[in-house]
C-alpha atoms as a PDB file:
ATOM      1  CA  UNK A   1     108.071 123.010  70.245  1.00  0.00           C
ATOM      2  CA  UNK A   2     108.228 125.361  73.193  1.00  0.00           C
ATOM      3  CA  UNK A   3     107.866 129.041  72.767  1.00  0.00           C
ATOM      4  CA  UNK A   4     111.027 131.096  73.516  1.00  0.00           C
ATOM      5  CA  UNK A   5     109.484 132.507  76.717  1.00  0.00           C
ATOM      6  CA  UNK A   6     108.949 129.165  78.385  1.00  0.00           C
ATOM      7  CA  UNK A   7     111.564 127.277  80.319  1.00  0.00           C
ATOM      8  CA  UNK A   8     111.588 123.481  80.654  1.00  0.00           C
ATOM      9  CA  UNK A   9     113.646 122.197  83.552  1.00  0.00           C
ATOM     10  CA  UNK A  10     114.583 118.625  84.337  1.00  0.00           C
ATOM     11  CA  UNK A  11     114.004 117.391  87.851  1.00  0.00           C
ATOM     12  CA  UNK A  12     117.608 116.068  88.033  1.00  0.00           C
ATOM     13  CA  UNK A  13     118.838 119.603  87.318  1.00  0.00           C
ATOM     14  CA  UNK A  14     119.828 118.977  83.760  1.00  0.00           C
ATOM     15  CA  UNK A  15     120.414 122.087  81.639  1.00  0.00           C
ATOM     16  CA  UNK A  16     117.314 124.048  80.690  1.00  0.00           C
ATOM     17  CA  UNK A  17     115.853 123.208  77.300  1.00  0.00           C
ATOM     18  CA  UNK A  18     115.635 126.115  74.986  1.00  0.00           C
ATOM     19  CA  UNK A  19     113.239 126.638  72.130  1.00  0.00           C
ATOM     20  CA  UNK A  20     115.691 124.918  69.721  1.00  0.00           C
ATOM     21  CA  UNK A  21     115.892 121.789  71.790  1.00  0.00           C
ATOM     22  CA  UNK A  22     113.797 118.738  70.919  1.00  0.00           C
ATOM     23  CA  UNK A  23     111.564 116.834  73.274  1.00  0.00           C
ATOM     24  CA  UNK A  24     112.789 113.409  74.280  1.00  0.00           C
ATOM     25  CA  UNK A  25     109.278 112.103  74.418  1.00  0.00           C
ATOM     26  CA  UNK A  26     106.993 111.659  71.453  1.00  0.00           C
ATOM     27  CA  UNK A  27     103.253 111.432  71.461  1.00  0.00           C
ATOM     28  CA  UNK A  28     103.605 107.723  70.473  1.00  0.00           C
ATOM     29  CA  UNK A  29     105.114 106.988  73.948  1.00  0.00           C
ATOM     30  CA  UNK A  30     102.204 108.497  75.943  1.00  0.00           C
ATOM     31  CA  UNK A  31     100.711 105.745  78.069  1.00  0.00           C
ATOM     32  CA  UNK A  32      97.141 104.546  78.108  1.00  0.00           C
ATOM     33  CA  UNK A  33      95.997 104.307  81.774  1.00  0.00           C
ATOM     34  CA  UNK A  34      94.424 100.939  82.713  1.00  0.00           C
ATOM     35  CA  UNK A  35      91.486 100.310  84.990  1.00  0.00           C
ATOM     36  CA  UNK A  36      93.155  98.366  87.740  1.00  0.00           C
ATOM     37  CA  UNK A  37      96.266  99.639  89.690  1.00  0.00           C
ATOM     38  CA  UNK A  38      98.599  96.926  90.959  1.00  0.00           C
ATOM     39  CA  UNK A  39     102.351  97.155  91.409  1.00  0.00           C
ATOM     40  CA  UNK A  40     104.136  94.018  90.276  1.00  0.00           C
ATOM     41  CA  UNK A  41     106.996  94.177  92.782  1.00  0.00           C
ATOM     42  CA  UNK A  42     108.090  90.848  94.229  1.00  0.00           C
ATOM     43  CA  UNK A  43     109.077  92.190  97.626  1.00  0.00           C
ATOM     44  CA  UNK A  44     105.847  94.200  97.919  1.00  0.00           C
ATOM     45  CA  UNK A  45     103.630  91.245  96.940  1.00  0.00           C
ATOM     46  CA  UNK A  46     105.356  89.064  99.492  1.00  0.00           C
ATOM     47  CA  UNK A  47     104.974  91.643 102.280  1.00  0.00           C
ATOM     48  CA  UNK A  48     101.280  92.149 101.342  1.00  0.00           C
ATOM     49  CA  UNK A  49     100.684  88.389 101.527  1.00  0.00           C
ATOM     50  CA  UNK A  50     102.457  88.145 104.846  1.00  0.00           C
ATOM     51  CA  UNK A  51     100.275  90.945 106.185  1.00  0.00           C
ATOM     52  CA  UNK A  52      97.128  89.102 105.265  1.00  0.00           C
ATOM     53  CA  UNK A  53      98.376  85.852 106.728  1.00  0.00           C
ATOM     54  CA  UNK A  54      99.252  87.502 110.008  1.00  0.00           C
ATOM     55  CA  UNK A  55      95.847  89.016 110.337  1.00  0.00           C
ATOM     56  CA  UNK A  56      94.109  85.719 109.445  1.00  0.00           C
ATOM     57  CA  UNK A  57      96.324  83.953 111.993  1.00  0.00           C
ATOM     58  CA  UNK A  58      95.237  86.436 114.679  1.00  0.00           C
ATOM     59  CA  UNK A  59      91.674  85.903 113.650  1.00  0.00           C
ATOM     60  CA  UNK A  60      92.100  82.130 113.857  1.00  0.00           C
ATOM     61  CA  UNK A  61      93.593  82.154 117.317  1.00  0.00           C
ATOM     62  CA  UNK A  62      91.062  84.639 118.680  1.00  0.00           C
ATOM     63  CA  UNK A  63      88.117  82.734 117.229  1.00  0.00           C
ATOM     64  CA  UNK A  64      88.961  79.123 117.458  1.00  0.00           C
ATOM     65  CA  UNK A  65      91.420  79.040 120.488  1.00  0.00           C
ATOM     66  CA  UNK A  66      89.982  81.633 122.774  1.00  0.00           C
ATOM     67  CA  UNK A  67      86.322  82.509 121.938  1.00  0.00           C
ATOM     68  CA  UNK A  68      84.540  79.384 120.709  1.00  0.00           C
ATOM     69  CA  UNK A  69      85.735  77.181 123.597  1.00  0.00           C
ATOM     70  CA  UNK A  70      84.595  79.821 126.115  1.00  0.00           C
ATOM     71  CA  UNK A  71      81.613  78.871 128.271  1.00  0.00           C
ATOM     72  CA  UNK A  72      80.400  82.475 128.341  1.00  0.00           C
ATOM     73  CA  UNK A  73      78.147  82.746 125.292  1.00  0.00           C
ATOM     74  CA  UNK A  74      77.816  86.572 125.360  1.00  0.00           C
ATOM     75  CA  UNK A  75      81.530  87.153 125.899  1.00  0.00           C
ATOM     76  CA  UNK A  76      82.317  85.072 122.864  1.00  0.00           C
ATOM     77  CA  UNK A  77      79.578  86.552 120.713  1.00  0.00           C
ATOM     78  CA  UNK A  78      80.311  90.187 121.429  1.00  0.00           C
ATOM     79  CA  UNK A  79      84.117  89.909 121.219  1.00  0.00           C
ATOM     80  CA  UNK A  80      83.849  87.740 118.093  1.00  0.00           C
ATOM     81  CA  UNK A  81      81.698  90.270 116.292  1.00  0.00           C
ATOM     82  CA  UNK A  82      84.008  93.196 117.280  1.00  0.00           C
ATOM     83  CA  UNK A  83      87.234  91.497 116.397  1.00  0.00           C
ATOM     84  CA  UNK A  84      86.103  90.071 113.151  1.00  0.00           C
ATOM     85  CA  UNK A  85      84.466  93.359 112.054  1.00  0.00           C
ATOM     86  CA  UNK A  86      87.711  95.240 112.804  1.00  0.00           C
ATOM     87  CA  UNK A  87      89.726  92.561 110.848  1.00  0.00           C
ATOM     88  CA  UNK A  88      87.438  92.950 107.838  1.00  0.00           C
ATOM     89  CA  UNK A  89      87.789  96.712 107.922  1.00  0.00           C
ATOM     90  CA  UNK A  90      91.605  96.471 108.329  1.00  0.00           C
ATOM     91  CA  UNK A  91      91.990  94.047 105.280  1.00  0.00           C
ATOM     92  CA  UNK A  92      89.500  96.157 103.269  1.00  0.00           C
ATOM     93  CA  UNK A  93      91.621  99.280 103.971  1.00  0.00           C
ATOM     94  CA  UNK A  94      94.666  97.349 102.989  1.00  0.00           C
ATOM     95  CA  UNK A  95      93.155  96.338  99.662  1.00  0.00           C
ATOM     96  CA  UNK A  96      91.963  99.880  98.960  1.00  0.00           C
ATOM     97  CA  UNK A  97      95.463 101.199  99.710  1.00  0.00           C
ATOM     98  CA  UNK A  98      97.122  98.540  97.567  1.00  0.00           C
ATOM     99  CA  UNK A  99      94.710  98.776  94.533  1.00  0.00           C
ATOM    100  CA  UNK A 100      94.111 102.514  94.429  1.00  0.00           C
ATOM    101  CA  UNK A 101      96.121 104.764  92.146  1.00  0.00           C
ATOM    102  CA  UNK A 102      98.069 106.962  94.630  1.00  0.00           C
ATOM    103  CA  UNK A 103      98.151 109.811  92.231  1.00  0.00           C
ATOM    104  CA  UNK A 104     100.361 108.716  89.329  1.00  0.00           C
ATOM    105  CA  UNK A 105     101.301 111.344  86.701  1.00  0.00           C
ATOM    106  CA  UNK A 106     100.676 110.061  83.214  1.00  0.00           C
ATOM    107  CA  UNK A 107     103.837 108.694  81.598  1.00  0.00           C
ATOM    108  CA  UNK A 108     105.334 110.360  78.528  1.00  0.00           C
ATOM    109  CA  UNK A 109     103.071 113.458  78.636  1.00  0.00           C
ATOM    110  CA  UNK A 110     106.146 115.777  78.063  1.00  0.00           C
ATOM    111  CA  UNK A 111     105.204 116.196  74.410  1.00  0.00           C
ATOM    112  CA  UNK A 112     104.919 119.131  72.076  1.00  0.00           C
ATOM    113  CA  UNK A 113     101.115 118.789  71.841  1.00  0.00           C
ATOM    114  CA  UNK A 114     100.719 118.640  75.619  1.00  0.00           C
ATOM    115  CA  UNK A 115     103.036 121.606  76.194  1.00  0.00           C
ATOM    116  CA  UNK A 116     101.016 123.729  73.797  1.00  0.00           C
ATOM    117  CA  UNK A 117      97.808 122.756  75.533  1.00  0.00           C
ATOM    118  CA  UNK A 118      99.158 124.123  78.904  1.00  0.00           C
ATOM    119  CA  UNK A 119      99.111 127.710  77.557  1.00  0.00           C
ATOM    120  CA  UNK A 120     102.112 128.700  79.760  1.00  0.00           C
ATOM    121  CA  UNK A 121     102.956 132.176  80.609  1.00  0.00           C
ATOM    122  CA  UNK A 122     106.324 133.603  79.322  1.00  0.00           C
ATOM    123  CA  UNK A 123     109.169 132.722  81.712  1.00  0.00           C
ATOM    124  CA  UNK A 124     107.233 130.017  83.489  1.00  0.00           C
ATOM    125  CA  UNK A 125     109.440 127.092  84.643  1.00  0.00           C
ATOM    126  CA  UNK A 126     108.182 123.527  84.145  1.00  0.00           C
ATOM    127  CA  UNK A 127     109.839 120.426  85.567  1.00  0.00           C
ATOM    128  CA  UNK A 128     110.169 117.225  83.639  1.00  0.00           C
ATOM    129  CA  UNK A 129     111.042 113.823  85.118  1.00  0.00           C
ATOM    130  CA  UNK A 130     113.637 112.104  82.911  1.00  0.00           C
ATOM    131  CA  UNK A 131     112.747 108.673  84.269  1.00  0.00           C
ATOM    132  CA  UNK A 132     109.182 108.525  83.238  1.00  0.00           C
ATOM    133  CA  UNK A 133     109.289 111.369  80.767  1.00  0.00           C
ATOM    134  CA  UNK A 134     106.424 113.300  82.234  1.00  0.00           C
ATOM    135  CA  UNK A 135     105.666 116.882  83.274  1.00  0.00           C
ATOM    136  CA  UNK A 136     106.184 116.851  87.077  1.00  0.00           C
ATOM    137  CA  UNK A 137     103.457 118.751  89.005  1.00  0.00           C
ATOM    138  CA  UNK A 138     104.237 120.544  92.172  1.00  0.00           C
ATOM    139  CA  UNK A 139     104.840 118.249  95.184  1.00  0.00           C
ATOM    140  CA  UNK A 140     105.171 115.188  92.954  1.00  0.00           C
ATOM    141  CA  UNK A 141     108.099 112.798  93.396  1.00  0.00           C
ATOM    142  CA  UNK A 142     109.382 109.874  91.434  1.00  0.00           C
ATOM    143  CA  UNK A 143     109.111 106.387  92.928  1.00  0.00           C
ATOM    144  CA  UNK A 144     111.719 103.996  91.675  1.00  0.00           C
ATOM    145  CA  UNK A 145     109.497 100.921  92.608  1.00  0.00           C
ATOM    146  CA  UNK A 146     106.356 102.196  91.050  1.00  0.00           C
ATOM    147  CA  UNK A 147     108.363 103.701  88.244  1.00  0.00           C
ATOM    148  CA  UNK A 148     105.991 106.722  88.283  1.00  0.00           C
ATOM    149  CA  UNK A 149     105.824 110.252  89.531  1.00  0.00           C
ATOM    150  CA  UNK A 150     103.324 110.317  92.399  1.00  0.00           C
ATOM    151  CA  UNK A 151     101.461 113.465  93.403  1.00  0.00           C
ATOM    152  CA  UNK A 152     101.970 114.313  97.102  1.00  0.00           C
ATOM    153  CA  UNK A 153     103.976 111.114  97.532  1.00  0.00           C
ATOM    154  CA  UNK A 154     104.509 110.445 101.258  1.00  0.00           C
ATOM    155  CA  UNK A 155     106.480 107.175 101.016  1.00  0.00           C
ATOM    156  CA  UNK A 156     106.427 103.788  99.414  1.00  0.00           C
ATOM    157  CA  UNK A 157     105.189 101.114 101.832  1.00  0.00           C
ATOM    158  CA  UNK A 158     106.109  97.502 100.874  1.00  0.00           C
ATOM    159  CA  UNK A 159     103.446  96.154 103.392  1.00  0.00           C
ATOM    160  CA  UNK A 160     100.736  97.573 101.137  1.00  0.00           C
ATOM    161  CA  UNK A 161     102.807  97.120  97.936  1.00  0.00           C
ATOM    162  CA  UNK A 162     102.124 100.703  96.828  1.00  0.00           C
ATOM    163  CA  UNK A 163     103.020 104.352  97.329  1.00  0.00           C
ATOM    164  CA  UNK A 164     101.083 106.390  99.773  1.00  0.00           C
ATOM    165  CA  UNK A 165     100.030 109.499  97.954  1.00  0.00           C
ATOM    166  CA  UNK A 166      97.262 111.983  97.137  1.00  0.00           C
ATOM    167  CA  UNK A 167      94.523 109.378  96.339  1.00  0.00           C
ATOM    168  CA  UNK A 168      95.111 106.616  98.849  1.00  0.00           C
ATOM    169  CA  UNK A 169      96.426 108.264 101.999  1.00  0.00           C
ATOM    170  CA  UNK A 170      93.080 108.055 103.602  1.00  0.00           C
ATOM    171  CA  UNK A 171      92.958 104.190 103.210  1.00  0.00           C
ATOM    172  CA  UNK A 172      96.460 103.879 104.507  1.00  0.00           C
ATOM    173  CA  UNK A 173      95.523 105.853 107.673  1.00  0.00           C
ATOM    174  CA  UNK A 174      92.474 103.667 108.166  1.00  0.00           C
ATOM    175  CA  UNK A 175      94.621 100.562 107.646  1.00  0.00           C
ATOM    176  CA  UNK A 176      97.079 101.545 110.379  1.00  0.00           C
ATOM    177  CA  UNK A 177      94.193 102.523 112.652  1.00  0.00           C
ATOM    178  CA  UNK A 178      92.205  99.311 112.321  1.00  0.00           C
ATOM    179  CA  UNK A 179      95.360  97.135 112.661  1.00  0.00           C
ATOM    180  CA  UNK A 180      96.289  99.039 115.895  1.00  0.00           C
ATOM    181  CA  UNK A 181      92.717  98.478 117.225  1.00  0.00           C
ATOM    182  CA  UNK A 182      92.657  94.740 116.571  1.00  0.00           C
ATOM    183  CA  UNK A 183      96.125  94.517 118.083  1.00  0.00           C
ATOM    184  CA  UNK A 184      94.878  96.084 121.297  1.00  0.00           C
ATOM    185  CA  UNK A 185      91.820  93.883 121.298  1.00  0.00           C
ATOM    186  CA  UNK A 186      93.844  90.751 120.761  1.00  0.00           C
ATOM    187  CA  UNK A 187      96.283  91.674 123.530  1.00  0.00           C
ATOM    188  CA  UNK A 188      93.387  92.200 125.940  1.00  0.00           C
ATOM    189  CA  UNK A 189      91.796  88.836 124.928  1.00  0.00           C
ATOM    190  CA  UNK A 190      95.137  87.172 125.517  1.00  0.00           C
ATOM    191  CA  UNK A 191      95.372  88.497 129.021  1.00  0.00           C
ATOM    192  CA  UNK A 192      91.820  87.300 129.798  1.00  0.00           C
ATOM    193  CA  UNK A 193      92.592  83.925 128.266  1.00  0.00           C
ATOM    194  CA  UNK A 194      95.682  83.380 130.445  1.00  0.00           C
ATOM    195  CA  UNK A 195      93.663  84.413 133.447  1.00  0.00           C
ATOM    196  CA  UNK A 196      90.847  81.957 132.673  1.00  0.00           C
ATOM    197  CA  UNK A 197      93.257  79.100 131.933  1.00  0.00           C
ATOM    198  CA  UNK A 198      95.285  79.637 135.139  1.00  0.00           C
ATOM    199  CA  UNK A 199      92.148  79.878 137.238  1.00  0.00           C
ATOM    200  CA  UNK A 200      90.642  76.783 135.651  1.00  0.00           C
ATOM    201  CA  UNK A 201      92.083  73.658 134.061  1.00  0.00           C
ATOM    202  CA  UNK A 202      94.125  74.299 130.958  1.00  0.00           C
ATOM    203  CA  UNK A 203      92.489  71.391 129.181  1.00  0.00           C
ATOM    204  CA  UNK A 204      89.099  73.008 129.647  1.00  0.00           C
ATOM    205  CA  UNK A 205      89.818  76.562 128.517  1.00  0.00           C
ATOM    206  CA  UNK A 206      90.723  75.639 124.946  1.00  0.00           C
ATOM    207  CA  UNK A 207      89.990  72.944 122.371  1.00  0.00           C
ATOM    208  CA  UNK A 208      93.705  72.560 121.771  1.00  0.00           C
ATOM    209  CA  UNK A 209      96.288  70.837 124.058  1.00  0.00           C
ATOM    210  CA  UNK A 210      97.848  73.141 126.688  1.00  0.00           C
ATOM    211  CA  UNK A 211     101.344  73.326 125.014  1.00  0.00           C
ATOM    212  CA  UNK A 212      99.752  74.217 121.645  1.00  0.00           C
ATOM    213  CA  UNK A 213      97.409  76.817 123.266  1.00  0.00           C
ATOM    214  CA  UNK A 214     100.305  78.452 124.991  1.00  0.00           C
ATOM    215  CA  UNK A 215     102.458  78.558 121.931  1.00  0.00           C
ATOM    216  CA  UNK A 216      99.664  80.047 119.762  1.00  0.00           C
ATOM    217  CA  UNK A 217      98.672  82.715 122.368  1.00  0.00           C
ATOM    218  CA  UNK A 218     102.346  83.764 122.950  1.00  0.00           C
ATOM    219  CA  UNK A 219     102.946  84.174 119.257  1.00  0.00           C
ATOM    220  CA  UNK A 220      99.789  86.207 119.021  1.00  0.00           C
ATOM    221  CA  UNK A 221     100.955  88.473 121.842  1.00  0.00           C
ATOM    222  CA  UNK A 222     104.273  89.009 120.120  1.00  0.00           C
ATOM    223  CA  UNK A 223     102.459  89.781 116.828  1.00  0.00           C
ATOM    224  CA  UNK A 224     100.121  92.107 118.601  1.00  0.00           C
ATOM    225  CA  UNK A 225     102.868  94.059 120.342  1.00  0.00           C
ATOM    226  CA  UNK A 226     104.858  94.452 117.096  1.00  0.00           C
ATOM    227  CA  UNK A 227     101.780  95.439 115.038  1.00  0.00           C
ATOM    228  CA  UNK A 228     100.546  97.879 117.606  1.00  0.00           C
ATOM    229  CA  UNK A 229     103.979  99.534 117.917  1.00  0.00           C
ATOM    230  CA  UNK A 230     104.403  99.845 114.138  1.00  0.00           C
ATOM    231  CA  UNK A 231     100.889 100.920 113.210  1.00  0.00           C
ATOM    232  CA  UNK A 232     100.381 103.357 116.071  1.00  0.00           C
ATOM    233  CA  UNK A 233     103.628 105.129 115.149  1.00  0.00           C
ATOM    234  CA  UNK A 234     102.592 105.283 111.477  1.00  0.00           C
ATOM    235  CA  UNK A 235      99.127 106.399 112.378  1.00  0.00           C
ATOM    236  CA  UNK A 236     100.431 109.287 114.455  1.00  0.00           C
ATOM    237  CA  UNK A 237     103.044 110.162 111.793  1.00  0.00           C
ATOM    238  CA  UNK A 238     100.317 110.229 109.078  1.00  0.00           C
ATOM    239  CA  UNK A 239      98.002 112.455 111.141  1.00  0.00           C
ATOM    240  CA  UNK A 240     100.834 114.819 111.876  1.00  0.00           C
ATOM    241  CA  UNK A 241     101.657 115.098 108.139  1.00  0.00           C
ATOM    242  CA  UNK A 242      98.078 115.618 107.238  1.00  0.00           C
ATOM    243  CA  UNK A 243      97.507 118.327 109.831  1.00  0.00           C
ATOM    244  CA  UNK A 244     100.718 120.124 108.761  1.00  0.00           C
ATOM    245  CA  UNK A 245     100.100 119.519 105.022  1.00  0.00           C
ATOM    246  CA  UNK A 246     103.611 118.151 104.664  1.00  0.00           C
ATOM    247  CA  UNK A 247     104.524 114.754 103.285  1.00  0.00           C
ATOM    248  CA  UNK A 248     107.289 112.660 104.836  1.00  0.00           C
ATOM    249  CA  UNK A 249     109.522 113.174 101.819  1.00  0.00           C
ATOM    250  CA  UNK A 250     109.054 116.973 102.065  1.00  0.00           C
ATOM    251  CA  UNK A 251     109.857 116.834 105.779  1.00  0.00           C
ATOM    252  CA  UNK A 252     113.039 114.757 105.265  1.00  0.00           C
ATOM    253  CA  UNK A 253     114.206 116.967 102.512  1.00  0.00           C
ATOM    254  CA  UNK A 254     113.320 120.007 104.484  1.00  0.00           C
ATOM    255  CA  UNK A 255     111.475 121.559 101.533  1.00  0.00           C
ATOM    256  CA  UNK A 256     110.129 125.024 101.996  1.00  0.00           C
ATOM    257  CA  UNK A 257     106.426 125.138 101.141  1.00  0.00           C
ATOM    258  CA  UNK A 258     105.600 127.016  97.933  1.00  0.00           C
ATOM    259  CA  UNK A 259     101.944 125.965  98.143  1.00  0.00           C
ATOM    260  CA  UNK A 260      99.104 127.196 100.338  1.00  0.00           C
ATOM    261  CA  UNK A 261      99.079 124.900 103.291  1.00  0.00           C
ATOM    262  CA  UNK A 262      95.794 123.325 104.515  1.00  0.00           C
ATOM    263  CA  UNK A 263      96.416 122.935 108.230  1.00  0.00           C
ATOM    264  CA  UNK A 264      94.659 120.848 110.838  1.00  0.00           C
ATOM    265  CA  UNK A 265      90.976 120.350 110.087  1.00  0.00           C
ATOM    266  CA  UNK A 266      91.268 121.742 106.567  1.00  0.00           C
ATOM    267  CA  UNK A 267      93.982 119.142 105.878  1.00  0.00           C
ATOM    268  CA  UNK A 268      91.873 116.439 107.468  1.00  0.00           C
ATOM    269  CA  UNK A 269      88.817 117.313 105.358  1.00  0.00           C
ATOM    270  CA  UNK A 270      91.016 117.423 102.241  1.00  0.00           C
ATOM    271  CA  UNK A 271      92.325 113.912 102.783  1.00  0.00           C
ATOM    272  CA  UNK A 272      89.166 112.180 104.168  1.00  0.00           C
ATOM    273  CA  UNK A 273      86.685 114.111 102.138  1.00  0.00           C
ATOM    274  CA  UNK A 274      84.214 116.791 103.399  1.00  0.00           C
ATOM    275  CA  UNK A 275      82.974 117.310 106.881  1.00  0.00           C
ATOM    276  CA  UNK A 276      83.489 114.672 109.663  1.00  0.00           C
ATOM    277  CA  UNK A 277      81.180 111.751 109.069  1.00  0.00           C
ATOM    278  CA  UNK A 278      80.954 108.024 108.998  1.00  0.00           C
ATOM    279  CA  UNK A 279      82.578 108.095 105.537  1.00  0.00           C
ATOM    280  CA  UNK A 280      85.837 109.131 107.198  1.00  0.00           C
ATOM    281  CA  UNK A 281      86.338 105.737 108.696  1.00  0.00           C
ATOM    282  CA  UNK A 282      84.683 103.760 105.940  1.00  0.00           C
ATOM    283  CA  UNK A 283      87.124 101.992 103.620  1.00  0.00           C
ATOM    284  CA  UNK A 284      84.345 101.104 101.224  1.00  0.00           C
ATOM    285  CA  UNK A 285      83.512 104.710 100.360  1.00  0.00           C
ATOM    286  CA  UNK A 286      83.907 105.584  96.720  1.00  0.00           C
ATOM    287  CA  UNK A 287      84.002 101.897  95.625  1.00  0.00           C
ATOM    288  CA  UNK A 288      82.998 101.479  91.969  1.00  0.00           C
ATOM    289  CA  UNK A 289      82.460  98.162  90.210  1.00  0.00           C
ATOM    290  CA  UNK A 290      84.077  98.480  86.828  1.00  0.00           C
ATOM    291  CA  UNK A 291      84.666  96.126  83.969  1.00  0.00           C
ATOM    292  CA  UNK A 292      88.344  95.120  84.014  1.00  0.00           C
ATOM    293  CA  UNK A 293      89.866  95.675  80.589  1.00  0.00           C
ATOM    294  CA  UNK A 294      93.697  95.410  80.337  1.00  0.00           C
ATOM    295  CA  UNK A 295      94.987  97.826  77.741  1.00  0.00           C
ATOM    296  CA  UNK A 296      98.191  97.910  75.846  1.00  0.00           C
ATOM    297  CA  UNK A 297     100.939 100.349  76.834  1.00  0.00           C
ATOM    298  CA  UNK A 298     104.676 100.724  76.513  1.00  0.00           C
ATOM    299  CA  UNK A 299     106.504  98.230  78.783  1.00  0.00           C
ATOM    300  CA  UNK A 300     103.607  95.803  79.056  1.00  0.00           C
ATOM    301  CA  UNK A 301     100.317  95.789  80.937  1.00  0.00           C
ATOM    302  CA  UNK A 302      99.935  97.817  84.080  1.00  0.00           C
ATOM    303  CA  UNK A 303      96.998  97.726  86.338  1.00  0.00           C
ATOM    304  CA  UNK A 304      95.414 100.836  87.749  1.00  0.00           C
ATOM    305  CA  UNK A 305      92.196 102.024  89.332  1.00  0.00           C
END
């Protein structure tokens, strides 16, 4: 039970709990965190699959429609290596964003035992989330899709089927950056392809028939423009949030900072880790191969890294 000097406040502004009030959560409801993080949301899973299919479509058109039929060996080789490398980095960043715990607060930790372990000072206010029954840290927000409180939650993105938070913001930034780069590259290759096909015979510039080639390239151009617009805006927004140490939710709610801000380079180093290096743009940094063991928890199995 709480000591009389402590105050326990609900995030939905419910009345303060006094020392005579009981906790709604018991130690039996405290979750056991699993080893793989994956949100089982139908809309998010569909969006994630669509993202992969669109990237793979772009790779197919660039490789088999534009580069392989080209008579210039070095043109095909260099552009093929660059485009496919960027595609692998983009999809790897997408996977890391989707399968990384964004900073979920343990469910059901608002228990008597946990409160006593905090050794709170008299008069200190603590916030509890009534939806996941957990002590809510500063700058954490509850996500109704993930059904968890997420530390430094920026937003929930259905295209990566996950929240963007404290632990996976780096990978989300890399995902938007690499998608923007392959979009630019694809649009440039489309322009060159149209130029080559107009200058020469359409039947010789591609292994497909002229009508099919035109349709495939036009659809790729539309995809490239849409992806470039969306990801470049998200990339710029994320960098602005990092440099100002302010999440999108905090900006929209106009929350006054009660924390010590890490501005500009300090914020970048905090998100990407350490001094500027190759690791900043490497989506494979910190990868650990673990044995996957699903564990029992209230509400069924949940997957987390």
